[in-house]
Structures are given as C-alpha cells and as structure tokens.
C-alpha atoms as a PDB file:
ATOM      1  CA  MET A   1      -5.973  13.321   2.278  1.00  0.00           C
ATOM      2  CA  ARG A   2      -2.511  14.772   2.742  1.00  0.00           C
ATOM      3  CA  ASN A   3       0.145  13.618   0.242  1.00  0.00           C
ATOM      4  CA  PHE A   4       2.660  13.214   3.076  1.00  0.00           C
ATOM      5  CA  ASN A   5       5.822  12.716   0.967  1.00  0.00           C
ATOM      6  CA  ARG A   6       4.502  14.063  -2.359  1.00  0.00           C
ATOM      7  CA  LEU A   7       4.797  10.581  -3.895  1.00  0.00           C
ATOM      8  CA  VAL A   8       1.751   8.744  -2.556  1.00  0.00           C
ATOM      9  CA  CYS A   9      -1.067  10.287  -4.580  1.00  0.00           C
ATOM     10  CA  TYR A  10      -1.550   6.791  -6.053  1.00  0.00           C
ATOM     11  CA  LEU A  11      -2.259   5.506  -2.542  1.00  0.00           C
ATOM     12  CA  ASN A  12      -4.566   8.397  -1.606  1.00  0.00           C
ATOM     13  CA  SER A  13      -6.539   8.082  -4.840  1.00  0.00           C
ATOM     14  CA  SER A  14      -6.852   4.291  -4.565  1.00  0.00           C
ATOM     15  CA  ILE A  15      -8.311   4.642  -1.062  1.00  0.00           C
ATOM     16  CA  GLN A  16     -10.729   7.368  -2.139  1.00  0.00           C
ATOM     17  CA  PHE A  17     -11.696   5.246  -5.150  1.00  0.00           C
ATOM     18  CA  LEU A  18     -12.491   2.246  -2.935  1.00  0.00           C
ATOM     19  CA  LEU A  19     -14.608   4.357  -0.595  1.00  0.00           C
ATOM     20  CA  GLN A  20     -16.866   5.394  -3.502  1.00  0.00           C
ATOM     21  CA  LEU A  21     -17.774   1.773  -4.297  1.00  0.00           C
ATOM     22  CA  PRO A  22     -21.244   0.549  -3.272  1.00  0.00           C
ATOM     23  CA  GLY A  23     -21.315  -0.781   0.288  1.00  0.00           C
ATOM     24  CA  VAL A  24     -17.616  -0.323   1.024  1.00  0.00           C
ATOM     25  CA  ALA A  25     -17.890   2.764   3.246  1.00  0.00           C
ATOM     26  CA  ASP A  26     -20.849   1.343   5.204  1.00  0.00           C
ATOM     27  CA  SER A  27     -19.069  -1.974   5.686  1.00  0.00           C
ATOM     28  CA  ILE A  28     -15.905  -0.286   6.956  1.00  0.00           C
ATOM     29  CA  THR A  29     -17.814   2.060   9.266  1.00  0.00           C
ATOM     30  CA  ALA A  30     -19.479  -0.934  10.927  1.00  0.00           C
ATOM     31  CA  VAL A  31     -16.171  -2.627  11.853  1.00  0.00           C
ATOM     32  CA  GLN A  32     -15.394  -2.528  15.584  1.00  0.00           C
ATOM     33  CA  PRO A  33     -11.770  -2.199  16.809  1.00  0.00           C
ATOM     34  CA  ALA A  34     -11.880  -5.584  18.564  1.00  0.00           C
ATOM     35  CA  GLU A  35     -12.797  -7.291  15.268  1.00  0.00           C
ATOM     36  CA  LEU A  36      -9.453  -6.296  13.757  1.00  0.00           C
ATOM     37  CA  LYS A  37      -7.445  -8.260  16.331  1.00  0.00           C
ATOM     38  CA  GLY A  38      -5.284 -10.804  14.495  1.00  0.00           C
ATOM     39  CA  GLU A  39      -6.196  -9.379  11.088  1.00  0.00           C
ATOM     40  CA  ASP A  40      -3.633  -8.720   8.356  1.00  0.00           C
ATOM     41  CA  THR A  41      -1.601  -5.589   9.151  1.00  0.00           C
ATOM     42  CA  VAL A  42      -2.313  -3.913   5.806  1.00  0.00           C
ATOM     43  CA  VAL A  43      -6.047  -4.607   6.071  1.00  0.00           C
ATOM     44  CA  THR A  44      -6.056  -3.269   9.638  1.00  0.00           C
ATOM     45  CA  ALA A  45      -4.207  -0.095   8.655  1.00  0.00           C
ATOM     46  CA  PHE A  46      -6.532   0.398   5.670  1.00  0.00           C
ATOM     47  CA  VAL A  47      -9.717  -0.012   7.738  1.00  0.00           C
ATOM     48  CA  GLN A  48      -8.455   2.308  10.480  1.00  0.00           C
ATOM     49  CA  LEU A  49      -7.423   4.972   7.960  1.00  0.00           C
ATOM     50  CA  ALA A  50     -10.710   4.675   6.053  1.00  0.00           C
ATOM     51  CA  GLN A  51     -12.709   5.030   9.273  1.00  0.00           C
ATOM     52  CA  ALA A  52     -10.746   8.149  10.218  1.00  0.00           C
ATOM     53  CA  LEU A  53     -11.136   9.560   6.722  1.00  0.00           C
ATOM     54  CA  LEU A  54     -14.900   8.972   6.739  1.00  0.00           C
ATOM     55  CA  SER A  55     -15.246  10.787  10.074  1.00  0.00           C
ATOM     56  CA  THR A  56     -12.817  13.647   9.351  1.00  0.00           C
ATOM     57  CA  PRO A  57     -12.314  14.145   5.575  1.00  0.00           C
ATOM     58  CA  GLY A  58      -9.174  15.910   4.366  1.00  0.00           C
ATOM     59  CA  ALA A  59      -7.171  15.767   7.592  1.00  0.00           C
ATOM     60  CA  GLN A  60      -5.821  12.237   7.257  1.00  0.00           C
ATOM     61  CA  SER A  61      -2.534  10.822   5.996  1.00  0.00           C
ATOM     62  CA  ALA A  62      -1.798   7.366   4.559  1.00  0.00           C
ATOM     63  CA  GLU A  63       1.669   7.301   6.134  1.00  0.00           C
ATOM     64  CA  THR A  64       1.012   4.341   8.468  1.00  0.00           C
ATOM     65  CA  LEU A  65      -0.706   2.339   5.707  1.00  0.00           C
ATOM     66  CA  PHE A  66       2.179   3.079   3.364  1.00  0.00           C
ATOM     67  CA  LYS A  67       4.767   1.907   5.915  1.00  0.00           C
ATOM     68  CA  VAL A  68       3.070  -1.445   6.564  1.00  0.00           C
ATOM     69  CA  SER A  69       2.596  -1.872   2.815  1.00  0.00           C
ATOM     70  CA  VAL A  70       6.340  -1.418   2.271  1.00  0.00           C
ATOM     71  CA  GLU A  71       7.020  -3.914   5.062  1.00  0.00           C
ATOM     72  CA  GLN A  72       4.884  -6.489   3.243  1.00  0.00           C
ATOM     73  CA  LYS A  73       6.873  -6.332   0.002  1.00  0.00           C
ATOM     74  CA  SER A  74       8.242  -9.776   0.803  1.00  0.00           C
ATOM     75  CA  THR A  75       4.690 -11.145   0.843  1.00  0.00           C
ATOM     76  CA  ARG A  76       4.095  -9.651  -2.607  1.00  0.00           C
ATOM     77  CA  LEU A  77       1.562  -7.041  -1.540  1.00  0.00           C
ATOM     78  CA  ALA A  78       3.075  -4.752  -4.148  1.00  0.00           C
ATOM     79  CA  PRO A  79       6.395  -5.917  -5.654  1.00  0.00           C
ATOM     80  CA  GLY A  80       8.732  -3.003  -6.169  1.00  0.00           C
ATOM     81  CA  LEU A  81       6.869  -0.664  -3.808  1.00  0.00           C
ATOM     82  CA  SER A  82       9.272   2.175  -3.079  1.00  0.00           C
ATOM     83  CA  PRO A  83       9.141   5.260  -0.819  1.00  0.00           C
ATOM     84  CA  ARG A  84      11.302   7.146  -3.306  1.00  0.00           C
ATOM     85  CA  ARG A  85       9.214   7.149  -6.493  1.00  0.00           C
ATOM     86  CA  GLN A  86       5.693   7.232  -7.874  1.00  0.00           C
ATOM     87  CA  GLN A  87       3.915   3.866  -8.348  1.00  0.00           C
ATOM     88  CA  ASP A  88       1.328   2.361 -10.648  1.00  0.00           C
ATOM     89  CA  ALA A  89      -1.817   2.580  -8.484  1.00  0.00           C
ATOM     90  CA  THR A  90      -3.147  -0.811  -9.584  1.00  0.00           C
ATOM     91  CA  GLU A  91       0.025  -2.536  -8.333  1.00  0.00           C
ATOM     92  CA  TRP A  92      -1.148  -1.605  -4.844  1.00  0.00           C
ATOM     93  CA  LEU A  93      -4.919  -1.626  -5.394  1.00  0.00           C
ATOM     94  CA  ILE A  94      -5.262  -5.123  -6.888  1.00  0.00           C
ATOM     95  CA  PRO A  95      -3.293  -6.923  -4.122  1.00  0.00           C
ATOM     96  CA  LEU A  96      -5.260  -4.942  -1.509  1.00  0.00           C
ATOM     97  CA  LEU A  97      -8.558  -6.107  -3.041  1.00  0.00           C
ATOM     98  CA  ALA A  98      -7.281  -9.677  -2.878  1.00  0.00           C
ATOM     99  CA  LYS A  99      -6.514  -9.201   0.827  1.00  0.00           C
ATOM    100  CA  LEU A 100      -9.930  -7.660   1.500  1.00  0.00           C
ATOM    101  CA  ARG A 101     -11.613 -10.652  -0.142  1.00  0.00           C
ATOM    102  CA  ARG A 102      -9.929 -12.884   2.442  1.00  0.00           C
ATOM    103  CA  CYS A 103     -10.575 -10.517   5.342  1.00  0.00           C
ATOM    104  CA  ARG A 104     -12.531 -12.173   8.184  1.00  0.00           C
ATOM    105  CA  VAL A 105     -14.327  -8.947   9.083  1.00  0.00           C
ATOM    106  CA  LEU A 106     -15.354  -7.595   5.690  1.00  0.00           C
ATOM    107  CA  GLY A 107     -15.664 -11.011   4.080  1.00  0.00           C
ATOM    108  CA  SER A 108     -17.908 -12.672   6.656  1.00  0.00           C
ATOM    109  CA  SER A 109     -21.160 -11.296   5.241  1.00  0.00           C
ATOM    110  CA  VAL A 110     -22.876 -12.629   2.125  1.00  0.00           C
ATOM    111  CA  ALA A 111     -23.313  -8.999   1.112  1.00  0.00           C
ATOM    112  CA  SER A 112     -19.576  -8.269   1.429  1.00  0.00           C
ATOM    113  CA  PRO A 113     -18.774  -5.420  -0.972  1.00  0.00           C
ATOM    114  CA  VAL A 114     -15.534  -7.088  -2.036  1.00  0.00           C
ATOM    115  CA  GLN A 115     -15.814 -10.839  -1.564  1.00  0.00           C
ATOM    116  CA  ARG A 116     -19.131 -11.329  -3.311  1.00  0.00           C
ATOM    117  CA  ALA A 117     -20.188  -8.087  -4.989  1.00  0.00           C
ATOM    118  CA  MET A 118     -17.224  -7.841  -7.373  1.00  0.00           C
ATOM    119  CA  GLN A 119     -16.857 -11.470  -8.450  1.00  0.00           C
ATOM    120  CA  PHE A 120     -17.239 -12.732 -12.012  1.00  0.00           C
ATOM    121  CA  HIS A 121     -15.661 -15.392 -14.227  1.00  0.00           C
ATOM    122  CA  LEU A 122     -13.820 -15.129 -17.533  1.00  0.00           C
ATOM    123  CA  VAL A 123     -14.703 -18.094 -19.735  1.00  0.00           C
ATOM    124  CA  PRO A 124     -12.216 -18.846 -22.549  1.00  0.00           C
ATOM    125  CA  THR A 125     -13.476 -20.733 -25.599  1.00  0.00           C
ATOM    126  CA  ILE A 126     -11.613 -22.100 -28.621  1.00  0.00           C
ATOM    127  CA  GLU A 127     -13.348 -22.855 -31.898  1.00  0.00           C
ATOM    128  CA  CYS A 128     -12.098 -24.331 -35.179  1.00  0.00           C
ATOM    129  CA  THR A 129     -13.714 -22.577 -38.132  1.00  0.00           C
ATOM    130  CA  ALA A 130     -12.700 -25.451 -40.402  1.00  0.00           C
ATOM    131  CA  CYS A 131     -14.482 -28.315 -38.632  1.00  0.00           C
ATOM    132  CA  GLY A 132     -16.712 -26.545 -36.086  1.00  0.00           C
ATOM    133  CA  PHE A 133     -14.976 -28.038 -33.014  1.00  0.00           C
ATOM    134  CA  ILE A 134     -15.673 -26.019 -29.834  1.00  0.00           C
ATOM    135  CA  ARG A 135     -14.089 -26.354 -26.389  1.00  0.00           C
ATOM    136  CA  GLN A 136     -15.086 -24.194 -23.433  1.00  0.00           C
ATOM    137  CA  GLN A 137     -13.357 -24.202 -20.073  1.00  0.00           C
ATOM    138  CA  THR A 138     -15.397 -26.016 -17.439  1.00  0.00           C
ATOM    139  CA  GLU A 139     -16.929 -24.017 -14.609  1.00  0.00           C
ATOM    140  CA  GLN A 140     -14.788 -25.827 -12.035  1.00  0.00           C
ATOM    141  CA  SER A 141     -11.543 -24.669 -13.681  1.00  0.00           C
ATOM    142  CA  GLN A 142     -12.578 -21.052 -14.289  1.00  0.00           C
ATOM    143  CA  THR A 143     -10.785 -18.441 -12.197  1.00  0.00           C
ATOM    144  CA  VAL A 144     -12.636 -15.903 -10.082  1.00  0.00           C
ATOM    145  CA  ASN A 145     -11.964 -12.303 -11.086  1.00  0.00           C
ATOM    146  CA  PHE A 146     -12.784  -9.008  -9.401  1.00  0.00           C
ATOM    147  CA  MET A 147     -11.328  -6.557 -11.945  1.00  0.00           C
ATOM    148  CA  LEU A 148     -11.701  -6.713 -15.724  1.00  0.00           C
ATOM    149  CA  GLY A 149      -8.459  -5.775 -17.470  1.00  0.00           C
ATOM    150  CA  VAL A 150      -8.977  -4.648 -21.071  1.00  0.00           C
ATOM    151  CA  GLN A 151      -6.347  -3.764 -23.660  1.00  0.00           C
ATOM    152  CA  LEU A 152      -6.284  -0.493 -25.566  1.00  0.00           C
ATOM    153  CA  LEU A 153      -5.384  -1.867 -28.988  1.00  0.00           C
ATOM    154  CA  ALA A 154      -2.846  -0.351 -31.349  1.00  0.00           C
ATOM    155  CA  HIS A 155      -5.390   0.334 -34.089  1.00  0.00           C
ATOM    156  CA  TYR A 156      -7.368   2.759 -31.914  1.00  0.00           C
ATOM    157  CA  GLN A 157      -6.749   6.282 -33.178  1.00  0.00           C
ATOM    158  CA  GLY A 158      -7.434   9.512 -31.294  1.00  0.00           C
ATOM    159  CA  SER A 159     -10.318   8.266 -29.183  1.00  0.00           C
ATOM    160  CA  VAL A 160     -12.381   5.143 -28.614  1.00  0.00           C
ATOM    161  CA  THR A 161     -15.581   4.264 -26.793  1.00  0.00           C
ATOM    162  CA  LEU A 162     -15.663   1.859 -23.877  1.00  0.00           C
ATOM    163  CA  ALA A 163     -18.278  -0.126 -25.819  1.00  0.00           C
ATOM    164  CA  ASP A 164     -15.780  -0.708 -28.648  1.00  0.00           C
ATOM    165  CA  VAL A 165     -13.096  -1.750 -26.157  1.00  0.00           C
ATOM    166  CA  LEU A 166     -15.457  -4.336 -24.617  1.00  0.00           C
ATOM    167  CA  THR A 167     -16.488  -5.586 -28.061  1.00  0.00           C
ATOM    168  CA  ASP A 168     -12.854  -6.151 -29.033  1.00  0.00           C
ATOM    169  CA  PHE A 169     -12.155  -7.798 -25.677  1.00  0.00           C
ATOM    170  CA  THR A 170     -14.776 -10.507 -26.324  1.00  0.00           C
ATOM    171  CA  SER A 171     -14.201 -10.849 -30.079  1.00  0.00           C
ATOM    172  CA  ALA A 172     -12.660 -14.001 -31.557  1.00  0.00           C
ATOM    173  CA  THR A 173      -8.971 -13.855 -32.497  1.00  0.00           C
ATOM    174  CA  LEU A 174      -6.994 -16.305 -34.593  1.00  0.00           C
ATOM    175  CA  VAL A 175      -4.508 -18.365 -32.572  1.00  0.00           C
ATOM    176  CA  HIS A 176      -1.549 -18.795 -34.896  1.00  0.00           C
ATOM    177  CA  GLU A 177      -0.002 -22.266 -35.124  1.00  0.00           C
ATOM    178  CA  PHE A 178      -2.502 -23.703 -32.631  1.00  0.00           C
ATOM    179  CA  VAL A 179      -3.548 -27.171 -33.796  1.00  0.00           C
ATOM    180  CA  CYS A 180      -7.242 -28.022 -33.701  1.00  0.00           C
ATOM    181  CA  PRO A 181      -7.833 -30.580 -30.906  1.00  0.00           C
ATOM    182  CA  ASN A 182     -10.176 -32.554 -33.155  1.00  0.00           C
ATOM    183  CA  PRO A 183      -8.071 -35.579 -34.282  1.00  0.00           C
ATOM    184  CA  ARG A 184      -9.951 -35.660 -37.584  1.00  0.00           C
ATOM    185  CA  CYS A 185      -9.047 -32.049 -38.354  1.00  0.00           C
ATOM    186  CA  GLN A 186      -5.797 -30.879 -36.698  1.00  0.00           C
ATOM    187  CA  ASN A 187      -5.786 -27.727 -38.809  1.00  0.00           C
ATOM    188  CA  ASN A 188      -3.268 -25.191 -37.493  1.00  0.00           C
ATOM    189  CA  GLU A 189      -4.607 -22.130 -39.302  1.00  0.00           C
ATOM    190  CA  SER A 190      -8.270 -22.095 -38.338  1.00  0.00           C
ATOM    191  CA  VAL A 191      -8.468 -22.073 -34.530  1.00  0.00           C
ATOM    192  CA  GLU A 192      -9.964 -18.954 -32.916  1.00  0.00           C
ATOM    193  CA  ARG A 193     -10.004 -17.998 -29.251  1.00  0.00           C
ATOM    194  CA  ARG A 194     -12.506 -15.752 -27.528  1.00  0.00           C
ATOM    195  CA  GLN A 195     -13.508 -15.079 -23.949  1.00  0.00           C
ATOM    196  CA  SER A 196     -16.804 -14.218 -22.389  1.00  0.00           C
ATOM    197  CA  ILE A 197     -17.787 -12.722 -19.050  1.00  0.00           C
ATOM    198  CA  SER A 198     -19.893 -14.953 -16.827  1.00  0.00           C
ATOM    199  CA  GLY A 199     -21.816 -13.317 -14.011  1.00  0.00           C
ATOM    200  CA  SER A 200     -23.178  -9.831 -13.383  1.00  0.00           C
ATOM    201  CA  PRO A 201     -21.346  -8.466 -10.336  1.00  0.00           C
ATOM    202  CA  ARG A 202     -22.986  -5.747  -8.298  1.00  0.00           C
ATOM    203  CA  THR A 203     -19.811  -3.694  -8.671  1.00  0.00           C
ATOM    204  CA  LEU A 204     -17.917  -3.966 -11.958  1.00  0.00           C
ATOM    205  CA  LEU A 205     -14.322  -2.704 -12.020  1.00  0.00           C
ATOM    206  CA  ILE A 206     -12.794  -2.133 -15.468  1.00  0.00           C
ATOM    207  CA  HIS A 207      -9.032  -1.617 -15.675  1.00  0.00           C
ATOM    208  CA  LEU A 208      -7.849   0.090 -18.869  1.00  0.00           C
ATOM    209  CA  LEU A 209      -4.387  -1.382 -19.455  1.00  0.00           C
ATOM    210  CA  ARG A 210      -2.706   1.867 -20.491  1.00  0.00           C
ATOM    211  CA  PHE A 211       0.928   1.095 -19.637  1.00  0.00           C
ATOM    212  CA  ASP A 212       3.237  -1.058 -21.757  1.00  0.00           C
ATOM    213  CA  ASP A 213       6.086  -3.233 -20.420  1.00  0.00           C
ATOM    214  CA  GLN A 214       8.342  -0.178 -20.140  1.00  0.00           C
ATOM    215  CA  GLY A 215       5.716   1.812 -18.239  1.00  0.00           C
ATOM    216  CA  VAL A 216       4.939   4.148 -21.147  1.00  0.00           C
ATOM    217  CA  LYS A 217       1.313   5.239 -21.201  1.00  0.00           C
ATOM    218  CA  ASN A 218      -1.229   4.997 -24.010  1.00  0.00           C
ATOM    219  CA  THR A 219      -2.999   8.352 -23.633  1.00  0.00           C
ATOM    220  CA  ILE A 220      -5.895   7.646 -25.992  1.00  0.00           C
ATOM    221  CA  ALA A 221      -9.168   9.239 -24.872  1.00  0.00           C
ATOM    222  CA  VAL A 222     -11.726   6.635 -23.751  1.00  0.00           C
ATOM    223  CA  ALA A 223     -15.380   7.702 -23.749  1.00  0.00           C
ATOM    224  CA  ALA A 224     -16.944   5.895 -20.776  1.00  0.00           C
ATOM    225  CA  PRO A 225     -20.732   6.337 -20.549  1.00  0.00           C
ATOM    226  CA  LEU A 226     -22.596   7.196 -17.362  1.00  0.00           C
ATOM    227  CA  LEU A 227     -24.931   4.280 -18.144  1.00  0.00           C
ATOM    228  CA  LEU A 228     -23.321   1.170 -19.615  1.00  0.00           C
ATOM    229  CA  ILE A 229     -25.261  -1.562 -21.414  1.00  0.00           C
ATOM    230  CA  HIS A 230     -23.298  -4.059 -23.508  1.00  0.00           C
ATOM    231  CA  SER A 231     -23.786  -7.572 -24.851  1.00  0.00           C
ATOM    232  CA  ALA A 232     -20.462  -8.590 -23.262  1.00  0.00           C
ATOM    233  CA  LEU A 233     -22.124  -7.854 -19.913  1.00  0.00           C
ATOM    234  CA  SER A 234     -25.322  -9.755 -20.781  1.00  0.00           C
ATOM    235  CA  ASN A 235     -26.998  -6.390 -21.510  1.00  0.00           C
ATOM    236  CA  VAL A 236     -27.243  -5.711 -17.774  1.00  0.00           C
ATOM    237  CA  GLN A 237     -27.412  -1.977 -17.057  1.00  0.00           C
ATOM    238  CA  TYR A 238     -24.590  -0.440 -15.048  1.00  0.00           C
ATOM    239  CA  ARG A 239     -24.243   3.093 -13.639  1.00  0.00           C
ATOM    240  CA  LEU A 240     -20.864   4.791 -13.346  1.00  0.00           C
ATOM    241  CA  VAL A 241     -19.972   5.583  -9.719  1.00  0.00           C
ATOM    242  CA  ALA A 242     -16.241   6.361  -9.723  1.00  0.00           C
ATOM    243  CA  ALA A 243     -13.026   6.493 -11.701  1.00  0.00           C
ATOM    244  CA  LEU A 244      -9.360   6.332 -10.790  1.00  0.00           C
ATOM    245  CA  GLN A 245      -7.351   8.656 -13.033  1.00  0.00           C
ATOM    246  CA  HIS A 246      -3.687   8.981 -13.980  1.00  0.00           C
ATOM    247  CA  HIS A 247      -2.397  12.286 -15.342  1.00  0.00           C
ATOM    248  CA  GLY A 248       0.992  11.923 -17.045  1.00  0.00           C
ATOM    249  CA  ASP A 249       2.982   9.855 -19.543  1.00  0.00           C
ATOM    250  CA  THR A 250       4.613   7.042 -17.554  1.00  0.00           C
ATOM    251  CA  ALA A 251       3.704   4.682 -14.731  1.00  0.00           C
ATOM    252  CA  ASP A 252       6.322   6.060 -12.334  1.00  0.00           C
ATOM    253  CA  SER A 253       5.538   9.741 -12.851  1.00  0.00           C
ATOM    254  CA  GLY A 254       2.531  12.040 -13.072  1.00  0.00           C
ATOM    255  CA  HIS A 255      -0.355  12.346 -10.658  1.00  0.00           C
ATOM    256  CA  TYR A 256      -3.348  10.250  -9.554  1.00  0.00           C
ATOM    257  CA  THR A 257      -6.816  11.543  -8.716  1.00  0.00           C
ATOM    258  CA  THR A 258     -10.285  10.098  -8.124  1.00  0.00           C
ATOM    259  CA  VAL A 259     -13.583  11.129  -9.674  1.00  0.00           C
ATOM    260  CA  ARG A 260     -16.860  10.474  -7.843  1.00  0.00           C
ATOM    261  CA  VAL A 261     -19.952  10.316 -10.049  1.00  0.00           C
ATOM    262  CA  ASP A 262     -23.284  11.000  -8.350  1.00  0.00           C
ATOM    263  CA  ALA A 263     -26.647   9.536  -9.318  1.00  0.00           C
ATOM    264  CA  ASP A 264     -27.590  12.708 -11.230  1.00  0.00           C
ATOM    265  CA  GLY A 265     -24.514  12.323 -13.440  1.00  0.00           C
ATOM    266  CA  SER A 266     -22.500  15.145 -11.884  1.00  0.00           C
ATOM    267  CA  ALA A 267     -18.811  14.391 -11.382  1.00  0.00           C
ATOM    268  CA  VAL A 268     -16.570  15.621  -8.543  1.00  0.00           C
ATOM    269  CA  LEU A 269     -12.760  15.582  -8.518  1.00  0.00           C
ATOM    270  CA  ILE A 270     -11.045  14.248  -5.356  1.00  0.00           C
ATOM    271  CA  ASP A 271      -7.385  15.308  -5.388  1.00  0.00           C
ATOM    272  CA  ASP A 272      -5.364  14.659  -2.211  1.00  0.00           C
ATOM    273  CA  ALA A 273      -6.213  17.384   0.352  1.00  0.00           C
ATOM    274  CA  ASN A 274      -7.332  19.930  -2.237  1.00  0.00           C
ATOM    275  CA  GLU A 275     -10.874  21.219  -2.145  1.00  0.00           C
ATOM    276  CA  ARG A 276     -13.227  19.011  -4.118  1.00  0.00           C
ATOM    277  CA  SER A 277     -14.333  20.530  -7.394  1.00  0.00           C
ATOM    278  CA  PRO A 278     -16.693  19.739 -10.309  1.00  0.00           C
ATOM    279  CA  VAL A 279     -15.169  17.999 -13.324  1.00  0.00           C
ATOM    280  CA  ASP A 280     -16.400  17.715 -16.909  1.00  0.00           C
ATOM    281  CA  TRP A 281     -16.714  13.971 -17.460  1.00  0.00           C
ATOM    282  CA  ASN A 282     -16.850  14.405 -21.247  1.00  0.00           C
ATOM    283  CA  ALA A 283     -13.754  16.600 -21.512  1.00  0.00           C
ATOM    284  CA  GLU A 284     -10.877  15.227 -23.595  1.00  0.00           C
ATOM    285  CA  GLN A 285      -8.355  15.526 -20.746  1.00  0.00           C
ATOM    286  CA  THR A 286     -10.717  13.608 -18.430  1.00  0.00           C
ATOM    287  CA  ARG A 287     -11.085  10.791 -20.954  1.00  0.00           C
ATOM    288  CA  GLU A 288      -7.316  10.603 -21.487  1.00  0.00           C
ATOM    289  CA  ALA A 289      -6.756  10.179 -17.728  1.00  0.00           C
ATOM    290  CA  ILE A 290      -9.313   7.418 -17.031  1.00  0.00           C
ATOM    291  CA  TYR A 291      -7.458   4.361 -15.690  1.00  0.00           C
ATOM    292  CA  VAL A 292      -9.897   2.271 -13.609  1.00  0.00           C
ATOM    293  CA  LEU A 293     -13.683   2.560 -13.811  1.00  0.00           C
ATOM    294  CA  ALA A 294     -16.250   1.455 -11.228  1.00  0.00           C
ATOM    295  CA  TYR A 295     -19.811   0.684 -12.310  1.00  0.00           C
ATOM    296  CA  GLU A 296     -22.761  -0.330 -10.126  1.00  0.00           C
ATOM    297  CA  ARG A 297     -25.417  -2.719 -11.402  1.00  0.00           C
ATOM    298  CA  VAL A 298     -28.757  -0.930 -11.688  1.00  0.00           C
END
C-alpha cells in the first residue's frame, strides 16, 4: 500500500494486520457492493479498500479511508486523529474493530471473524487473605472484550517472555486501603485483586501497552512464541499468525509495519508498498518492535 502522505503507515499496517486474521479476508471478499448501502462510512471505505487491496496488492492507497476517518472524529472513531502527524495505530484499530463488530454485513454470520471469533471476557475477582472472603463479578456484568491489553511492568529488564507477561497479568495484586467487604473482617491491608480470562476466542489479539501517558515507548524485547500455551488461556494452544509492529521511541513518531507468520513458522515483513521480505522473528529488533499480536486457536 502506498503511504500517500508519508504519515499513514499506522493506517496501512493496521489494515494489512487485519487482513492476516483468520476469516477476515474471505469475509470481506464475499461482501457485495449492494450490501454496503446504508452502512457506516468508515466500514464501507475499509471494506472497499480491503477488496481492492486483495485483488491488486501494492497499488492501493488508504487516502479515502483516512479522510472519512478524520471526518468521524466527532463520533470518537479516533480522538485526536490528525493529517499532520503520526498516530498510535491502536487508536484507530480498536475503534474500527468495534465498528466491524456492529457491521450488518460482516456481523450477520455466526462465524463472523470479528463479532464472534475475537470475543472473550475478563473476570475480576477480589479475595481477602485474612478471612478467605471471595467475590467474583457475575457473568451478566462482565464486559465483552476483543483485544487483551497487557502491561509491560517496570521490573522487566532487557527482555521478557510473553508467558511471563501473561502470568503477571493474571497474578493477584494487593489493593491498598481497600476494605474487605466481609462485615466480620473489614481488614484494609489484606484484599487482593486478580483477573482471569474467560473464553477461548478463535482469534486472540494481545496488545502490549508500550506507551506511557506522555507517549514514550517501553522498548523492552518481548519474546512471543510461534505456539502459545498458557494457563491464563486455559492451556488452549494458539498459533501466531500476525503482528503489528512499531519502530521508534514515541507514539507520534517512528514507523509501523506488519509481520505475517505462515503455518511453517516463516515470517514475512509487509511495509507499505515496499517489496515483501523475510524477517527473523527471533531477532532482538523484531522483539522490540512487537506491538499487537494475533494468535489463532489450533
């Protein structure tokens, strides 16, 4: 894809990333022009661009999609979206996924690659270690998620494995000054909070939260395996299919690319309109650039 104003690599890479996800390309290819009548303008522009890209790779531009995205700033598609600077790719990607989940065309099938295949729940639990009181959020009040955001903690040094990140994400943490709900206890120094992942989505998206509030990037190298099995994911086996990468030090600078990972474990770099090339998935610079990972349930 052509980077038409040299600032939309985040948009190009997000689109290429989505097209690598299981079922997405097939679902988009099957959409007929008449089905898009009355659909959201951003969804329509995305589907039309994706169809053109799938039929003629490399010759397309996201200019129309970018323009309608800017026009929808008021509807919070991507707050702060600007034609004059680089963006955080997830600020556009996450709202787009939310729109695709509500899309009449792509969301009408039970096998929808977005509406059903990516869904899971995060279940928060609090427990008092002093009295044993446990409270878990009821299923009715749990929120539906389609991307797992995980923190890269300050104590990580040099490099970390994705398995360790997931372990820390689901580990219990002390909630300071939180009073135990048990009226017979009410201890304010013994309440722990943890969260678990409920459900095994066909497509699991993991967002490494690399940027702080000022947009400065944590460049720690994250070793993401080609095959992922973890207790936080109910020991279900997942295969890596794609990664969205950010190369640089801040959210509003640098460059975005996409990596496609084939079934044999080989990885291919997709970088705007440049010729696709092999990439070493285990290289330090690759691990430092990983931003969003896509895994497919085996």
